[in-house]
């Protein structure tokens, strides 16, 4: 198994919004692949939302309801992308101990 400082932050939360971690040596195992796939979906969703945001914000007739929904969706996507970045950044620092 991996050392405690090598746990992978998973792209979903547990009960009460607490982070979930994966402890495995098998980077090609089911849970690792599942996490990779979910991260890919989350990043793709964020990219689509950015395009939608540009369109919505460029529309002078956009309704307040549409802007609020967009802000809520962007907030969720930003949370997901931040978790992916945190997880990947941690994995990079663990795989390269020379990094500060």
N, C-alpha and C. Protein backbone atom coordinates (compact mmCIF):
# COMPACT_ATOMS: atom_id res chain seq x y z
N UNK A 1 0.83 -1.19 0.00
CA UNK A 1 0.00 0.00 0.00
C UNK A 1 0.87 1.25 0.00
N UNK A 2 0.27 2.36 -0.36
CA UNK A 2 1.01 3.61 -0.41
C UNK A 2 1.24 4.15 0.99
N UNK A 3 2.24 4.99 1.12
CA UNK A 3 2.51 5.65 2.39
C UNK A 3 1.40 6.67 2.66
N UNK A 4 1.16 7.02 3.93
CA UNK A 4 0.07 7.95 4.25
C UNK A 4 0.17 9.28 3.51
N UNK A 5 1.39 9.75 3.23
CA UNK A 5 1.50 11.02 2.52
C UNK A 5 1.29 10.87 1.01
N UNK A 6 0.99 9.65 0.56
CA UNK A 6 0.78 9.40 -0.86
C UNK A 6 -0.67 9.06 -1.18
N UNK A 7 -1.57 9.32 -0.27
CA UNK A 7 -2.97 9.06 -0.53
C UNK A 7 -3.46 9.95 -1.65
N UNK A 8 -4.34 9.42 -2.48
CA UNK A 8 -4.89 10.20 -3.58
C UNK A 8 -6.21 10.82 -3.14
N UNK A 9 -6.30 12.13 -3.28
CA UNK A 9 -7.56 12.83 -3.03
C UNK A 9 -8.50 12.49 -4.17
N UNK A 10 -9.65 11.93 -3.84
CA UNK A 10 -10.61 11.52 -4.86
C UNK A 10 -11.48 12.70 -5.29
N UNK A 11 -12.04 12.64 -6.49
CA UNK A 11 -12.80 13.78 -7.02
C UNK A 11 -14.24 13.85 -6.52
N UNK A 12 -14.52 13.25 -5.40
CA UNK A 12 -15.85 13.36 -4.78
C UNK A 12 -15.68 13.49 -3.28
N UNK A 13 -16.75 13.91 -2.65
CA UNK A 13 -16.74 14.09 -1.20
C UNK A 13 -17.50 12.96 -0.53
N UNK A 14 -17.16 12.75 0.71
CA UNK A 14 -17.87 11.78 1.51
C UNK A 14 -18.99 12.44 2.29
N UNK A 15 -19.48 11.75 3.31
CA UNK A 15 -20.54 12.32 4.13
C UNK A 15 -20.12 13.67 4.70
N UNK A 16 -21.07 14.57 4.73
CA UNK A 16 -20.87 15.90 5.29
C UNK A 16 -19.80 16.70 4.53
N UNK A 17 -19.56 16.35 3.28
CA UNK A 17 -18.62 17.09 2.46
C UNK A 17 -17.15 16.84 2.76
N UNK A 18 -16.88 15.82 3.56
CA UNK A 18 -15.49 15.52 3.92
C UNK A 18 -14.77 14.87 2.73
N UNK A 19 -13.45 15.17 2.58
CA UNK A 19 -12.71 14.59 1.46
C UNK A 19 -12.57 13.08 1.58
N UNK A 20 -12.47 12.43 0.43
CA UNK A 20 -12.24 10.99 0.35
C UNK A 20 -10.86 10.76 -0.26
N UNK A 21 -10.19 9.74 0.22
CA UNK A 21 -8.84 9.42 -0.25
C UNK A 21 -8.77 7.96 -0.66
N UNK A 22 -7.86 7.67 -1.59
CA UNK A 22 -7.62 6.32 -2.05
C UNK A 22 -6.21 5.91 -1.65
N UNK A 23 -6.10 4.73 -1.08
CA UNK A 23 -4.82 4.17 -0.66
C UNK A 23 -4.60 2.89 -1.46
N UNK A 24 -3.78 2.98 -2.51
CA UNK A 24 -3.52 1.81 -3.34
C UNK A 24 -2.19 1.96 -4.07
N UNK A 25 -1.59 0.84 -4.38
CA UNK A 25 -0.40 0.82 -5.22
C UNK A 25 -0.77 0.61 -6.69
N UNK A 26 -2.02 0.26 -6.95
CA UNK A 26 -2.47 -0.09 -8.30
C UNK A 26 -3.08 1.13 -8.98
N UNK A 27 -2.26 1.87 -9.72
CA UNK A 27 -2.74 3.07 -10.40
C UNK A 27 -3.67 2.73 -11.57
N UNK A 28 -3.71 1.47 -11.96
CA UNK A 28 -4.61 1.04 -13.04
C UNK A 28 -5.80 0.27 -12.49
N UNK A 29 -5.95 0.25 -11.17
CA UNK A 29 -7.06 -0.47 -10.55
C UNK A 29 -8.39 0.22 -10.79
N UNK A 30 -9.44 -0.47 -10.43
CA UNK A 30 -10.80 0.02 -10.68
C UNK A 30 -11.04 1.40 -10.07
N UNK A 31 -10.70 1.60 -8.82
CA UNK A 31 -10.96 2.88 -8.17
C UNK A 31 -10.11 3.99 -8.77
N UNK A 32 -8.88 3.71 -9.12
CA UNK A 32 -8.03 4.73 -9.75
C UNK A 32 -8.60 5.13 -11.11
N UNK A 33 -9.02 4.14 -11.89
CA UNK A 33 -9.61 4.43 -13.21
C UNK A 33 -10.93 5.19 -13.05
N UNK A 34 -11.74 4.81 -12.07
CA UNK A 34 -12.99 5.51 -11.82
C UNK A 34 -12.72 6.98 -11.48
N UNK A 35 -11.75 7.21 -10.60
CA UNK A 35 -11.40 8.58 -10.23
C UNK A 35 -10.89 9.35 -11.45
N UNK A 36 -10.05 8.73 -12.27
CA UNK A 36 -9.55 9.38 -13.48
C UNK A 36 -10.70 9.77 -14.41
N UNK A 37 -11.64 8.85 -14.59
CA UNK A 37 -12.78 9.12 -15.48
C UNK A 37 -13.66 10.24 -14.93
N UNK A 38 -13.91 10.24 -13.64
CA UNK A 38 -14.73 11.30 -13.04
C UNK A 38 -14.03 12.64 -13.15
N UNK A 39 -12.72 12.66 -12.93
CA UNK A 39 -11.97 13.91 -13.08
C UNK A 39 -12.08 14.43 -14.52
N UNK A 40 -11.99 13.54 -15.49
CA UNK A 40 -12.10 13.94 -16.90
C UNK A 40 -13.47 14.54 -17.18
N UNK A 41 -14.51 13.93 -16.63
CA UNK A 41 -15.87 14.46 -16.81
C UNK A 41 -15.98 15.84 -16.15
N UNK A 42 -15.45 15.97 -14.94
CA UNK A 42 -15.52 17.25 -14.24
C UNK A 42 -14.79 18.35 -15.01
N UNK A 43 -13.62 18.05 -15.55
CA UNK A 43 -12.87 19.04 -16.32
C UNK A 43 -13.61 19.39 -17.61
N UNK A 44 -14.21 18.41 -18.25
CA UNK A 44 -14.99 18.67 -19.46
C UNK A 44 -16.21 19.53 -19.18
N UNK A 45 -16.87 19.25 -18.07
CA UNK A 45 -18.03 20.05 -17.68
C UNK A 45 -17.63 21.50 -17.42
N UNK A 46 -16.49 21.69 -16.76
CA UNK A 46 -16.01 23.04 -16.49
C UNK A 46 -15.73 23.78 -17.80
N UNK A 47 -15.13 23.11 -18.77
CA UNK A 47 -14.85 23.74 -20.06
C UNK A 47 -16.14 24.15 -20.76
N UNK A 48 -17.14 23.28 -20.72
CA UNK A 48 -18.43 23.60 -21.34
C UNK A 48 -19.09 24.78 -20.63
N UNK A 49 -18.99 24.82 -19.31
CA UNK A 49 -19.58 25.93 -18.57
C UNK A 49 -18.89 27.26 -18.89
N UNK A 50 -17.59 27.22 -19.12
CA UNK A 50 -16.89 28.45 -19.51
C UNK A 50 -17.42 28.99 -20.83
N UNK A 51 -17.67 28.11 -21.78
CA UNK A 51 -18.24 28.53 -23.06
C UNK A 51 -19.64 29.11 -22.84
N UNK A 52 -20.44 28.42 -22.03
CA UNK A 52 -21.79 28.89 -21.74
C UNK A 52 -21.75 30.24 -21.03
N UNK A 53 -20.80 30.42 -20.13
CA UNK A 53 -20.68 31.68 -19.40
C UNK A 53 -20.37 32.83 -20.37
N UNK A 54 -19.47 32.59 -21.31
CA UNK A 54 -19.14 33.63 -22.28
C UNK A 54 -20.37 34.04 -23.08
N UNK A 55 -21.16 33.06 -23.49
CA UNK A 55 -22.38 33.35 -24.24
C UNK A 55 -23.39 34.10 -23.39
N UNK A 56 -23.61 33.61 -22.18
CA UNK A 56 -24.62 34.22 -21.31
C UNK A 56 -24.23 35.63 -20.91
N UNK A 57 -22.97 35.83 -20.56
CA UNK A 57 -22.53 37.16 -20.14
C UNK A 57 -22.49 38.13 -21.31
N UNK A 58 -22.34 37.62 -22.52
CA UNK A 58 -22.37 38.47 -23.70
C UNK A 58 -23.77 38.82 -24.17
N UNK A 59 -24.76 38.20 -23.56
CA UNK A 59 -26.15 38.43 -23.93
C UNK A 59 -26.74 39.53 -23.06
N UNK A 60 -27.01 40.67 -23.67
CA UNK A 60 -27.57 41.81 -22.92
C UNK A 60 -28.95 41.50 -22.35
N UNK A 61 -29.64 40.53 -22.92
CA UNK A 61 -30.99 40.19 -22.47
C UNK A 61 -31.02 39.02 -21.50
N UNK A 62 -29.87 38.61 -21.00
CA UNK A 62 -29.82 37.48 -20.07
C UNK A 62 -30.62 37.82 -18.81
N UNK A 63 -31.43 36.87 -18.38
CA UNK A 63 -32.26 37.08 -17.19
C UNK A 63 -31.44 36.84 -15.93
N UNK A 64 -31.85 37.49 -14.86
CA UNK A 64 -31.19 37.33 -13.58
C UNK A 64 -31.21 35.87 -13.14
N UNK A 65 -32.29 35.19 -13.39
CA UNK A 65 -32.42 33.76 -13.05
C UNK A 65 -31.35 32.92 -13.77
N UNK A 66 -31.11 33.25 -15.04
CA UNK A 66 -30.09 32.53 -15.81
C UNK A 66 -28.70 32.80 -15.26
N UNK A 67 -28.45 34.05 -14.89
CA UNK A 67 -27.15 34.42 -14.33
C UNK A 67 -26.91 33.74 -12.98
N UNK A 68 -27.92 33.66 -12.15
CA UNK A 68 -27.79 32.98 -10.86
C UNK A 68 -27.52 31.49 -11.04
N UNK A 69 -28.24 30.86 -11.96
CA UNK A 69 -28.03 29.43 -12.22
C UNK A 69 -26.62 29.19 -12.74
N UNK A 70 -26.17 30.07 -13.65
CA UNK A 70 -24.82 29.96 -14.19
C UNK A 70 -23.78 30.12 -13.08
N UNK A 71 -23.97 31.10 -12.20
CA UNK A 71 -23.04 31.30 -11.09
C UNK A 71 -22.98 30.08 -10.19
N UNK A 72 -24.13 29.46 -9.93
CA UNK A 72 -24.17 28.26 -9.08
C UNK A 72 -23.44 27.11 -9.76
N UNK A 73 -23.67 26.91 -11.04
CA UNK A 73 -23.01 25.83 -11.78
C UNK A 73 -21.50 26.07 -11.88
N UNK A 74 -21.11 27.33 -12.12
CA UNK A 74 -19.68 27.65 -12.18
C UNK A 74 -19.01 27.44 -10.83
N UNK A 75 -19.70 27.76 -9.75
CA UNK A 75 -19.14 27.55 -8.41
C UNK A 75 -18.88 26.07 -8.17
N UNK A 76 -19.84 25.23 -8.55
CA UNK A 76 -19.66 23.78 -8.40
C UNK A 76 -18.52 23.26 -9.25
N UNK A 77 -18.44 23.75 -10.49
CA UNK A 77 -17.36 23.31 -11.38
C UNK A 77 -16.00 23.78 -10.87
N UNK A 78 -15.95 24.98 -10.33
CA UNK A 78 -14.69 25.50 -9.79
C UNK A 78 -14.25 24.67 -8.59
N UNK A 79 -15.19 24.28 -7.75
CA UNK A 79 -14.88 23.42 -6.60
C UNK A 79 -14.29 22.10 -7.09
N UNK A 80 -14.91 21.50 -8.10
CA UNK A 80 -14.44 20.23 -8.64
C UNK A 80 -13.04 20.36 -9.26
N UNK A 81 -12.84 21.41 -10.04
CA UNK A 81 -11.55 21.61 -10.70
C UNK A 81 -10.46 21.89 -9.67
N UNK A 82 -10.80 22.62 -8.64
CA UNK A 82 -9.82 22.88 -7.57
C UNK A 82 -9.42 21.58 -6.88
N UNK A 83 -10.39 20.69 -6.65
CA UNK A 83 -10.08 19.40 -6.04
C UNK A 83 -9.18 18.57 -6.95
N UNK A 84 -9.46 18.58 -8.26
CA UNK A 84 -8.61 17.85 -9.21
C UNK A 84 -7.20 18.44 -9.19
N UNK A 85 -7.09 19.76 -9.22
CA UNK A 85 -5.77 20.40 -9.22
C UNK A 85 -5.01 20.09 -7.93
N UNK A 86 -5.70 20.11 -6.81
CA UNK A 86 -5.07 19.79 -5.53
C UNK A 86 -4.57 18.36 -5.53
N UNK A 87 -5.40 17.44 -6.00
CA UNK A 87 -5.03 16.04 -6.05
C UNK A 87 -3.83 15.81 -6.96
N UNK A 88 -3.89 16.37 -8.14
CA UNK A 88 -2.80 16.18 -9.11
C UNK A 88 -1.53 16.87 -8.65
N UNK A 89 -1.66 18.03 -8.04
CA UNK A 89 -0.48 18.71 -7.50
C UNK A 89 0.18 17.91 -6.41
N UNK A 90 -0.63 17.30 -5.55
CA UNK A 90 -0.08 16.45 -4.49
C UNK A 90 0.61 15.24 -5.10
N UNK A 91 -0.01 14.63 -6.09
CA UNK A 91 0.59 13.47 -6.73
C UNK A 91 1.92 13.83 -7.39
N UNK A 92 2.00 15.02 -7.98
CA UNK A 92 3.26 15.45 -8.59
C UNK A 92 4.35 15.64 -7.54
N UNK A 93 4.00 16.24 -6.41
CA UNK A 93 5.00 16.50 -5.38
C UNK A 93 5.46 15.20 -4.73
N UNK A 94 4.59 14.21 -4.63
CA UNK A 94 4.97 12.92 -4.06
C UNK A 94 5.86 12.15 -5.03
N UNK A 95 5.55 12.25 -6.34
CA UNK A 95 6.33 11.50 -7.32
C UNK A 95 7.70 12.15 -7.58
N UNK A 96 7.85 13.43 -7.25
CA UNK A 96 9.13 14.11 -7.44
C UNK A 96 9.55 14.75 -6.11
N UNK A 97 10.23 14.01 -5.25
CA UNK A 97 10.58 14.51 -3.93
C UNK A 97 11.51 15.72 -3.96
N UNK A 98 12.12 16.03 -5.10
CA UNK A 98 13.00 17.20 -5.21
C UNK A 98 12.24 18.51 -5.34
N UNK A 99 10.93 18.42 -5.64
CA UNK A 99 10.12 19.63 -5.77
C UNK A 99 9.93 20.25 -4.41
N UNK A 100 9.95 21.60 -4.34
CA UNK A 100 9.76 22.28 -3.05
C UNK A 100 8.36 22.15 -2.53
